[in-house]
Structure formats: C-alpha cells, structure tokens
C-alpha cells in the first residue's frame, strides 16, 4: 500500500519536478537576452512578430502574440504581432488543398516581410508544419526563432534557424511552463532594449572625411554620416534553456 502523501511531500515533489528546469533557465539569462535584443532590432526596423505552433502550442502562440500586441502592464507600448495558428478556417483550407506541411509556410509567404520575426513553438522540435514555416521565413529574410523541448528535435539539428531555445525536459508540462516563462521574458526584454538601447544608426560612429581641398590645406576632417551597411546573415544560436 502506498504511503500517505502529506502536504509537504506533495509540495516537495511538485517543486522537484521543476527544479532543474528553473535552474537552467536562470543560468541561460544572457542567451535569452540576445534573442530579445535581436527581436528589438527587427521591431525598430518596422517589423512585426508572427507566431505559430501545433496542437496545444497553438494556444501558446496566441498568448505570445497578445503579450506583444496587448500587454498587461499599464503604459506598456503595444508592438505588432499576429498568431497564425488560431484561424481554424485558414488552417483547414490550406491543409486540405496544399497539405498540412504548408499550413504555416503559406501564411508566412503572404504575411511576412523581411524585417519581421517568425517564432514557432514545437515541444518536440519535430513538427513538419512548424519546421517548414520557419524554413520559408528564413528564405524570406525574417528573423527565425524556435521554442522546443527535449533534445530540440529536427529544429535544433537543421542548423538554419537564427535562435533555437530548447527546454531540456521530456516532461510536456514542464516544457510548456518553460516556454511561457521564456516568452514573458522576451516581451520584457524587447521593450527594455527598445527603450534603453540606441538604434544602429545612433550607435554608428561618423566617418572621418577629407575632401581634396581640405587635404591640400591641411585642415582637420569633418564628420559625415557613414552610409548604411548591408547587414549580413546573423549568427545562428542554439540554447538549452531548461
């Protein structure tokens, strides 16, 4: 006969189930901050956030979009965000005509613009529809982010996503709890970077320029704004966050 469970014992078991994940999440704060910084740069350029997920993760995708579009904090600025996994009619129509692998990719092609952010949620990292949506987003120039669990699955192994954040647990409940915490953190971090970090133009030092006339006269150079540089593809990061 199993031993009687006490209140203290129940609490201990429940907290122990999450202890490792919570500790790893705290240790990876800097990595998560880098994702928030890159997202803020896209919002600053006029981009929007596009989110999606399969199954239960579709609810998290909608929650995530609301965190940016209609934040809970008084006076917190709204940022453009849309969840593509909540429109059952669109998902059914696309899936029945083009196949289920296309349900997010098709929408990314028509909603996405190069400055945007595509964030896909897949607890096991192996959902074909989420993977294909991020692949198309990457091809279009969007910043791509995946929230996964376990060992990251195919999303982590593919090597073509800008940031893969892995909740390193096989417990579906814990994975989801970590993902909720992470996107709350990202919402806070993006706004902190937008408020306190200067834009790329403001950070860029002026170019020292000498005209032929100034060089002959031995004058000091005058300051001239450096032209915008075409940014190359960003480094890809894979982070285990729990």
C-alpha atoms as a PDB file:
ATOM      1  CA  UNK A   1       0.000   0.000   0.000  1.00  0.00           C
ATOM      2  CA  UNK A   2       1.493   3.349  -0.955  1.00  0.00           C
ATOM      3  CA  UNK A   3       2.490   5.703   1.819  1.00  0.00           C
ATOM      4  CA  UNK A   4       0.091   8.515   2.609  1.00  0.00           C
ATOM      5  CA  UNK A   5       1.090  11.704   0.824  1.00  0.00           C
ATOM      6  CA  UNK A   6       1.481  14.705   3.104  1.00  0.00           C
ATOM      7  CA  UNK A   7       1.014  18.328   2.107  1.00  0.00           C
ATOM      8  CA  UNK A   8       4.745  18.903   2.479  1.00  0.00           C
ATOM      9  CA  UNK A   9       5.542  15.799   0.451  1.00  0.00           C
ATOM     10  CA  UNK A  10       3.240  16.855  -2.374  1.00  0.00           C
ATOM     11  CA  UNK A  11       4.799  20.307  -2.487  1.00  0.00           C
ATOM     12  CA  UNK A  12       8.314  18.850  -2.468  1.00  0.00           C
ATOM     13  CA  UNK A  13       7.548  16.511  -5.362  1.00  0.00           C
ATOM     14  CA  UNK A  14       5.925  19.231  -7.419  1.00  0.00           C
ATOM     15  CA  UNK A  15       8.791  21.680  -6.941  1.00  0.00           C
ATOM     16  CA  UNK A  16      11.412  18.979  -7.559  1.00  0.00           C
ATOM     17  CA  UNK A  17       9.780  18.268 -10.922  1.00  0.00           C
ATOM     18  CA  UNK A  18      10.650  21.804 -11.980  1.00  0.00           C
ATOM     19  CA  UNK A  19      13.840  22.467 -10.035  1.00  0.00           C
ATOM     20  CA  UNK A  20      16.319  21.524 -12.759  1.00  0.00           C
ATOM     21  CA  UNK A  21      14.431  23.409 -15.450  1.00  0.00           C
ATOM     22  CA  UNK A  22      14.205  26.553 -13.325  1.00  0.00           C
ATOM     23  CA  UNK A  23      17.912  26.489 -12.547  1.00  0.00           C
ATOM     24  CA  UNK A  24      18.945  26.074 -16.167  1.00  0.00           C
ATOM     25  CA  UNK A  25      16.566  28.823 -17.236  1.00  0.00           C
ATOM     26  CA  UNK A  26      18.211  31.262 -14.820  1.00  0.00           C
ATOM     27  CA  UNK A  27      21.700  30.292 -15.997  1.00  0.00           C
ATOM     28  CA  UNK A  28      20.759  30.985 -19.614  1.00  0.00           C
ATOM     29  CA  UNK A  29      19.532  34.528 -18.981  1.00  0.00           C
ATOM     30  CA  UNK A  30      22.200  36.086 -21.221  1.00  0.00           C
ATOM     31  CA  UNK A  31      21.323  33.829 -24.139  1.00  0.00           C
ATOM     32  CA  UNK A  32      17.650  34.703 -23.879  1.00  0.00           C
ATOM     33  CA  UNK A  33      18.595  38.375 -23.685  1.00  0.00           C
ATOM     34  CA  UNK A  34      20.408  38.060 -27.029  1.00  0.00           C
ATOM     35  CA  UNK A  35      17.191  36.819 -28.596  1.00  0.00           C
ATOM     36  CA  UNK A  36      15.306  39.780 -27.112  1.00  0.00           C
ATOM     37  CA  UNK A  37      17.954  42.156 -28.473  1.00  0.00           C
ATOM     38  CA  UNK A  38      17.636  40.747 -31.997  1.00  0.00           C
ATOM     39  CA  UNK A  39      13.852  40.933 -31.833  1.00  0.00           C
ATOM     40  CA  UNK A  40      14.018  44.551 -30.695  1.00  0.00           C
ATOM     41  CA  UNK A  41      16.216  45.386 -33.690  1.00  0.00           C
ATOM     42  CA  UNK A  42      13.540  43.993 -36.014  1.00  0.00           C
ATOM     43  CA  UNK A  43      10.737  45.914 -34.323  1.00  0.00           C
ATOM     44  CA  UNK A  44      12.846  49.058 -34.587  1.00  0.00           C
ATOM     45  CA  UNK A  45      13.054  48.499 -38.346  1.00  0.00           C
ATOM     46  CA  UNK A  46       9.262  48.369 -38.569  1.00  0.00           C
ATOM     47  CA  UNK A  47       8.911  44.589 -38.353  1.00  0.00           C
ATOM     48  CA  UNK A  48       6.167  42.568 -36.714  1.00  0.00           C
ATOM     49  CA  UNK A  49       6.074  39.282 -34.816  1.00  0.00           C
ATOM     50  CA  UNK A  50       4.474  36.247 -36.477  1.00  0.00           C
ATOM     51  CA  UNK A  51       3.878  33.284 -34.170  1.00  0.00           C
ATOM     52  CA  UNK A  52       2.523  29.777 -34.641  1.00  0.00           C
ATOM     53  CA  UNK A  53       2.501  26.366 -33.034  1.00  0.00           C
ATOM     54  CA  UNK A  54       0.923  22.946 -33.468  1.00  0.00           C
ATOM     55  CA  UNK A  55      -1.689  21.483 -31.144  1.00  0.00           C
ATOM     56  CA  UNK A  56      -1.510  22.817 -27.593  1.00  0.00           C
ATOM     57  CA  UNK A  57       1.377  25.049 -28.665  1.00  0.00           C
ATOM     58  CA  UNK A  58      -1.058  26.988 -30.851  1.00  0.00           C
ATOM     59  CA  UNK A  59      -2.619  28.391 -27.671  1.00  0.00           C
ATOM     60  CA  UNK A  60       0.822  29.494 -26.511  1.00  0.00           C
ATOM     61  CA  UNK A  61       1.418  31.142 -29.891  1.00  0.00           C
ATOM     62  CA  UNK A  62      -1.770  33.159 -29.423  1.00  0.00           C
ATOM     63  CA  UNK A  63      -0.807  34.032 -25.837  1.00  0.00           C
ATOM     64  CA  UNK A  64       2.609  35.159 -27.039  1.00  0.00           C
ATOM     65  CA  UNK A  65       1.125  37.423 -29.710  1.00  0.00           C
ATOM     66  CA  UNK A  66      -1.156  39.034 -27.135  1.00  0.00           C
ATOM     67  CA  UNK A  67       1.827  39.697 -24.841  1.00  0.00           C
ATOM     68  CA  UNK A  68       3.222  41.969 -27.559  1.00  0.00           C
ATOM     69  CA  UNK A  69       0.019  43.299 -29.134  1.00  0.00           C
ATOM     70  CA  UNK A  70      -1.944  43.992 -25.936  1.00  0.00           C
ATOM     71  CA  UNK A  71       0.450  43.863 -22.976  1.00  0.00           C
ATOM     72  CA  UNK A  72      -0.953  43.631 -19.467  1.00  0.00           C
ATOM     73  CA  UNK A  73       1.238  46.357 -17.973  1.00  0.00           C
ATOM     74  CA  UNK A  74      -0.275  49.837 -17.773  1.00  0.00           C
ATOM     75  CA  UNK A  75       1.518  52.191 -20.138  1.00  0.00           C
ATOM     76  CA  UNK A  76       3.447  49.359 -21.824  1.00  0.00           C
ATOM     77  CA  UNK A  77       3.664  50.069 -25.550  1.00  0.00           C
ATOM     78  CA  UNK A  78       1.970  47.650 -27.925  1.00  0.00           C
ATOM     79  CA  UNK A  79       4.037  46.016 -30.646  1.00  0.00           C
ATOM     80  CA  UNK A  80       2.625  44.458 -33.842  1.00  0.00           C
ATOM     81  CA  UNK A  81       2.128  40.704 -33.529  1.00  0.00           C
ATOM     82  CA  UNK A  82      -0.108  38.088 -35.102  1.00  0.00           C
ATOM     83  CA  UNK A  83      -0.705  34.403 -34.326  1.00  0.00           C
ATOM     84  CA  UNK A  84      -1.301  32.287 -37.419  1.00  0.00           C
ATOM     85  CA  UNK A  85      -2.314  29.053 -35.710  1.00  0.00           C
ATOM     86  CA  UNK A  86      -5.642  30.242 -34.329  1.00  0.00           C
ATOM     87  CA  UNK A  87      -7.592  30.600 -37.574  1.00  0.00           C
ATOM     88  CA  UNK A  88      -9.200  27.176 -37.947  1.00  0.00           C
ATOM     89  CA  UNK A  89     -10.773  28.040 -41.288  1.00  0.00           C
ATOM     90  CA  UNK A  90      -7.475  29.093 -42.858  1.00  0.00           C
ATOM     91  CA  UNK A  91      -5.633  26.084 -41.434  1.00  0.00           C
ATOM     92  CA  UNK A  92      -8.258  23.676 -42.751  1.00  0.00           C
ATOM     93  CA  UNK A  93      -8.401  25.284 -46.192  1.00  0.00           C
ATOM     94  CA  UNK A  94      -4.632  25.368 -46.650  1.00  0.00           C
ATOM     95  CA  UNK A  95      -4.178  21.878 -45.234  1.00  0.00           C
ATOM     96  CA  UNK A  96      -6.822  20.321 -47.453  1.00  0.00           C
ATOM     97  CA  UNK A  97      -5.503  21.936 -50.621  1.00  0.00           C
ATOM     98  CA  UNK A  98      -1.742  22.182 -50.129  1.00  0.00           C
ATOM     99  CA  UNK A  99      -1.074  19.641 -47.368  1.00  0.00           C
ATOM    100  CA  UNK A 100      -0.603  20.071 -43.643  1.00  0.00           C
ATOM    101  CA  UNK A 101       3.106  20.883 -44.005  1.00  0.00           C
ATOM    102  CA  UNK A 102       2.076  24.122 -45.728  1.00  0.00           C
ATOM    103  CA  UNK A 103      -0.366  25.487 -43.153  1.00  0.00           C
ATOM    104  CA  UNK A 104       2.132  27.968 -41.672  1.00  0.00           C
ATOM    105  CA  UNK A 105       4.531  28.362 -44.601  1.00  0.00           C
ATOM    106  CA  UNK A 106       1.717  29.523 -46.887  1.00  0.00           C
ATOM    107  CA  UNK A 107       0.688  32.196 -44.417  1.00  0.00           C
ATOM    108  CA  UNK A 108       4.290  33.320 -43.845  1.00  0.00           C
ATOM    109  CA  UNK A 109       4.694  33.864 -47.595  1.00  0.00           C
ATOM    110  CA  UNK A 110       1.693  36.191 -47.641  1.00  0.00           C
ATOM    111  CA  UNK A 111       2.028  37.899 -44.260  1.00  0.00           C
ATOM    112  CA  UNK A 112       5.790  38.028 -43.833  1.00  0.00           C
ATOM    113  CA  UNK A 113       8.140  40.869 -44.754  1.00  0.00           C
ATOM    114  CA  UNK A 114      11.951  40.861 -44.458  1.00  0.00           C
ATOM    115  CA  UNK A 115      12.082  42.963 -41.236  1.00  0.00           C
ATOM    116  CA  UNK A 116       9.664  40.602 -39.453  1.00  0.00           C
ATOM    117  CA  UNK A 117      10.183  37.904 -36.825  1.00  0.00           C
ATOM    118  CA  UNK A 118       8.862  34.355 -37.150  1.00  0.00           C
ATOM    119  CA  UNK A 119       8.616  32.406 -33.898  1.00  0.00           C
ATOM    120  CA  UNK A 120       7.488  28.779 -33.996  1.00  0.00           C
ATOM    121  CA  UNK A 121       6.655  26.603 -30.993  1.00  0.00           C
ATOM    122  CA  UNK A 122       7.144  22.839 -31.160  1.00  0.00           C
ATOM    123  CA  UNK A 123       7.583  20.971 -27.853  1.00  0.00           C
ATOM    124  CA  UNK A 124       9.418  18.071 -29.521  1.00  0.00           C
ATOM    125  CA  UNK A 125      11.064  20.082 -32.311  1.00  0.00           C
ATOM    126  CA  UNK A 126       9.832  17.662 -34.961  1.00  0.00           C
ATOM    127  CA  UNK A 127       6.581  19.162 -36.223  1.00  0.00           C
ATOM    128  CA  UNK A 128       6.862  19.398 -40.017  1.00  0.00           C
ATOM    129  CA  UNK A 129       4.452  22.337 -40.300  1.00  0.00           C
ATOM    130  CA  UNK A 130       6.416  24.424 -37.794  1.00  0.00           C
ATOM    131  CA  UNK A 131       9.763  23.495 -39.366  1.00  0.00           C
ATOM    132  CA  UNK A 132       8.584  24.328 -42.871  1.00  0.00           C
ATOM    133  CA  UNK A 133       7.126  27.637 -41.737  1.00  0.00           C
ATOM    134  CA  UNK A 134      10.465  28.659 -40.214  1.00  0.00           C
ATOM    135  CA  UNK A 135      12.355  27.471 -43.305  1.00  0.00           C
ATOM    136  CA  UNK A 136      10.243  29.681 -45.572  1.00  0.00           C
ATOM    137  CA  UNK A 137      10.572  32.581 -43.123  1.00  0.00           C
ATOM    138  CA  UNK A 138      14.355  32.264 -43.189  1.00  0.00           C
ATOM    139  CA  UNK A 139      14.354  32.245 -47.005  1.00  0.00           C
ATOM    140  CA  UNK A 140      12.330  35.481 -46.973  1.00  0.00           C
ATOM    141  CA  UNK A 141      14.800  37.184 -44.623  1.00  0.00           C
ATOM    142  CA  UNK A 142      12.783  37.080 -41.407  1.00  0.00           C
ATOM    143  CA  UNK A 143      14.482  36.589 -38.043  1.00  0.00           C
ATOM    144  CA  UNK A 144      13.653  32.992 -37.084  1.00  0.00           C
ATOM    145  CA  UNK A 145      13.205  31.686 -33.541  1.00  0.00           C
ATOM    146  CA  UNK A 146      12.098  28.253 -32.353  1.00  0.00           C
ATOM    147  CA  UNK A 147      10.967  27.221 -28.872  1.00  0.00           C
ATOM    148  CA  UNK A 148      11.336  23.463 -28.467  1.00  0.00           C
ATOM    149  CA  UNK A 149      11.810  20.809 -25.806  1.00  0.00           C
ATOM    150  CA  UNK A 150      13.591  17.514 -25.264  1.00  0.00           C
ATOM    151  CA  UNK A 151      16.772  17.460 -27.331  1.00  0.00           C
ATOM    152  CA  UNK A 152      15.423  20.089 -29.741  1.00  0.00           C
ATOM    153  CA  UNK A 153      14.488  17.563 -32.412  1.00  0.00           C
ATOM    154  CA  UNK A 154      14.843  18.327 -36.105  1.00  0.00           C
ATOM    155  CA  UNK A 155      14.555  22.063 -35.473  1.00  0.00           C
ATOM    156  CA  UNK A 156      17.793  22.012 -33.469  1.00  0.00           C
ATOM    157  CA  UNK A 157      19.584  19.685 -35.879  1.00  0.00           C
ATOM    158  CA  UNK A 158      18.685  21.627 -39.015  1.00  0.00           C
ATOM    159  CA  UNK A 159      21.110  24.490 -38.363  1.00  0.00           C
ATOM    160  CA  UNK A 160      19.116  27.016 -40.405  1.00  0.00           C
ATOM    161  CA  UNK A 161      17.247  28.850 -37.624  1.00  0.00           C
ATOM    162  CA  UNK A 162      18.691  32.000 -36.065  1.00  0.00           C
ATOM    163  CA  UNK A 163      17.812  31.073 -32.470  1.00  0.00           C
ATOM    164  CA  UNK A 164      16.681  27.710 -31.097  1.00  0.00           C
ATOM    165  CA  UNK A 165      15.697  27.823 -27.419  1.00  0.00           C
ATOM    166  CA  UNK A 166      15.391  24.308 -26.019  1.00  0.00           C
ATOM    167  CA  UNK A 167      13.520  23.489 -22.819  1.00  0.00           C
ATOM    168  CA  UNK A 168      15.686  20.482 -21.985  1.00  0.00           C
ATOM    169  CA  UNK A 169      12.993  18.369 -20.365  1.00  0.00           C
ATOM    170  CA  UNK A 170      10.928  15.425 -21.554  1.00  0.00           C
ATOM    171  CA  UNK A 171       8.027  16.439 -19.319  1.00  0.00           C
ATOM    172  CA  UNK A 172       5.407  18.077 -21.546  1.00  0.00           C
ATOM    173  CA  UNK A 173       4.006  20.139 -18.687  1.00  0.00           C
ATOM    174  CA  UNK A 174       7.419  21.478 -17.690  1.00  0.00           C
ATOM    175  CA  UNK A 175       8.316  22.249 -21.316  1.00  0.00           C
ATOM    176  CA  UNK A 176       5.195  24.325 -21.685  1.00  0.00           C
ATOM    177  CA  UNK A 177       5.801  26.140 -18.399  1.00  0.00           C
ATOM    178  CA  UNK A 178       9.339  26.995 -19.513  1.00  0.00           C
ATOM    179  CA  UNK A 179       8.077  28.277 -22.861  1.00  0.00           C
ATOM    180  CA  UNK A 180       5.522  30.526 -21.153  1.00  0.00           C
ATOM    181  CA  UNK A 181       8.238  31.956 -18.922  1.00  0.00           C
ATOM    182  CA  UNK A 182      10.578  32.478 -21.862  1.00  0.00           C
ATOM    183  CA  UNK A 183       8.120  34.421 -23.974  1.00  0.00           C
ATOM    184  CA  UNK A 184       7.163  36.571 -20.993  1.00  0.00           C
ATOM    185  CA  UNK A 185      10.871  37.323 -20.609  1.00  0.00           C
ATOM    186  CA  UNK A 186      11.200  38.109 -24.306  1.00  0.00           C
ATOM    187  CA  UNK A 187       8.289  40.533 -24.105  1.00  0.00           C
ATOM    188  CA  UNK A 188      10.000  42.384 -21.241  1.00  0.00           C
ATOM    189  CA  UNK A 189      13.454  42.276 -22.848  1.00  0.00           C
ATOM    190  CA  UNK A 190      12.310  43.608 -26.202  1.00  0.00           C
ATOM    191  CA  UNK A 191      10.767  46.653 -24.570  1.00  0.00           C
ATOM    192  CA  UNK A 192      13.833  47.235 -22.412  1.00  0.00           C
ATOM    193  CA  UNK A 193      16.100  47.182 -25.460  1.00  0.00           C
ATOM    194  CA  UNK A 194      13.777  49.465 -27.421  1.00  0.00           C
ATOM    195  CA  UNK A 195      13.661  51.946 -24.552  1.00  0.00           C
ATOM    196  CA  UNK A 196      17.275  51.970 -23.423  1.00  0.00           C
ATOM    197  CA  UNK A 197      19.426  50.923 -26.366  1.00  0.00           C
ATOM    198  CA  UNK A 198      20.168  53.356 -29.173  1.00  0.00           C
ATOM    199  CA  UNK A 199      19.331  52.395 -32.732  1.00  0.00           C
ATOM    200  CA  UNK A 200      22.021  51.065 -35.052  1.00  0.00           C
ATOM    201  CA  UNK A 201      22.281  54.486 -36.707  1.00  0.00           C
ATOM    202  CA  UNK A 202      22.772  56.176 -33.336  1.00  0.00           C
ATOM    203  CA  UNK A 203      25.493  53.693 -32.378  1.00  0.00           C
ATOM    204  CA  UNK A 204      27.411  54.029 -35.630  1.00  0.00           C
ATOM    205  CA  UNK A 205      30.336  56.491 -35.321  1.00  0.00           C
ATOM    206  CA  UNK A 206      30.601  59.169 -38.007  1.00  0.00           C
ATOM    207  CA  UNK A 207      33.086  58.579 -40.784  1.00  0.00           C
ATOM    208  CA  UNK A 208      36.057  60.944 -40.855  1.00  0.00           C
ATOM    209  CA  UNK A 209      36.182  62.518 -44.287  1.00  0.00           C
ATOM    210  CA  UNK A 210      38.736  64.669 -46.060  1.00  0.00           C
ATOM    211  CA  UNK A 211      37.932  66.470 -49.281  1.00  0.00           C
ATOM    212  CA  UNK A 212      40.760  67.113 -51.729  1.00  0.00           C
ATOM    213  CA  UNK A 213      40.626  70.812 -50.819  1.00  0.00           C
ATOM    214  CA  UNK A 214      40.912  70.086 -47.095  1.00  0.00           C
ATOM    215  CA  UNK A 215      43.817  67.705 -47.624  1.00  0.00           C
ATOM    216  CA  UNK A 216      45.760  70.378 -49.539  1.00  0.00           C
ATOM    217  CA  UNK A 217      45.080  72.929 -46.802  1.00  0.00           C
ATOM    218  CA  UNK A 218      45.991  70.535 -44.011  1.00  0.00           C
ATOM    219  CA  UNK A 219      42.615  71.068 -42.323  1.00  0.00           C
ATOM    220  CA  UNK A 220      41.008  68.671 -39.892  1.00  0.00           C
ATOM    221  CA  UNK A 221      38.475  66.304 -41.429  1.00  0.00           C
ATOM    222  CA  UNK A 222      34.806  66.986 -40.992  1.00  0.00           C
ATOM    223  CA  UNK A 223      32.277  64.436 -39.767  1.00  0.00           C
ATOM    224  CA  UNK A 224      29.988  62.748 -42.234  1.00  0.00           C
ATOM    225  CA  UNK A 225      27.395  60.112 -41.537  1.00  0.00           C
ATOM    226  CA  UNK A 226      28.581  56.706 -42.641  1.00  0.00           C
ATOM    227  CA  UNK A 227      26.267  55.085 -45.173  1.00  0.00           C
ATOM    228  CA  UNK A 228      24.071  52.236 -44.028  1.00  0.00           C
ATOM    229  CA  UNK A 229      25.881  48.952 -44.358  1.00  0.00           C
ATOM    230  CA  UNK A 230      24.081  45.926 -45.654  1.00  0.00           C
ATOM    231  CA  UNK A 231      24.000  43.563 -42.720  1.00  0.00           C
ATOM    232  CA  UNK A 232      24.998  40.018 -43.458  1.00  0.00           C
ATOM    233  CA  UNK A 233      23.240  36.930 -42.109  1.00  0.00           C
ATOM    234  CA  UNK A 234      23.340  36.773 -38.336  1.00  0.00           C
ATOM    235  CA  UNK A 235      24.992  34.068 -36.333  1.00  0.00           C
ATOM    236  CA  UNK A 236      22.774  31.151 -35.508  1.00  0.00           C
ATOM    237  CA  UNK A 237      22.407  30.211 -31.872  1.00  0.00           C
ATOM    238  CA  UNK A 238      21.151  27.095 -30.162  1.00  0.00           C
ATOM    239  CA  UNK A 239      20.449  27.417 -26.475  1.00  0.00           C
ATOM    240  CA  UNK A 240      19.322  24.829 -23.956  1.00  0.00           C
ATOM    241  CA  UNK A 241      17.233  26.809 -21.530  1.00  0.00           C
ATOM    242  CA  UNK A 242      15.942  24.107 -19.224  1.00  0.00           C
END
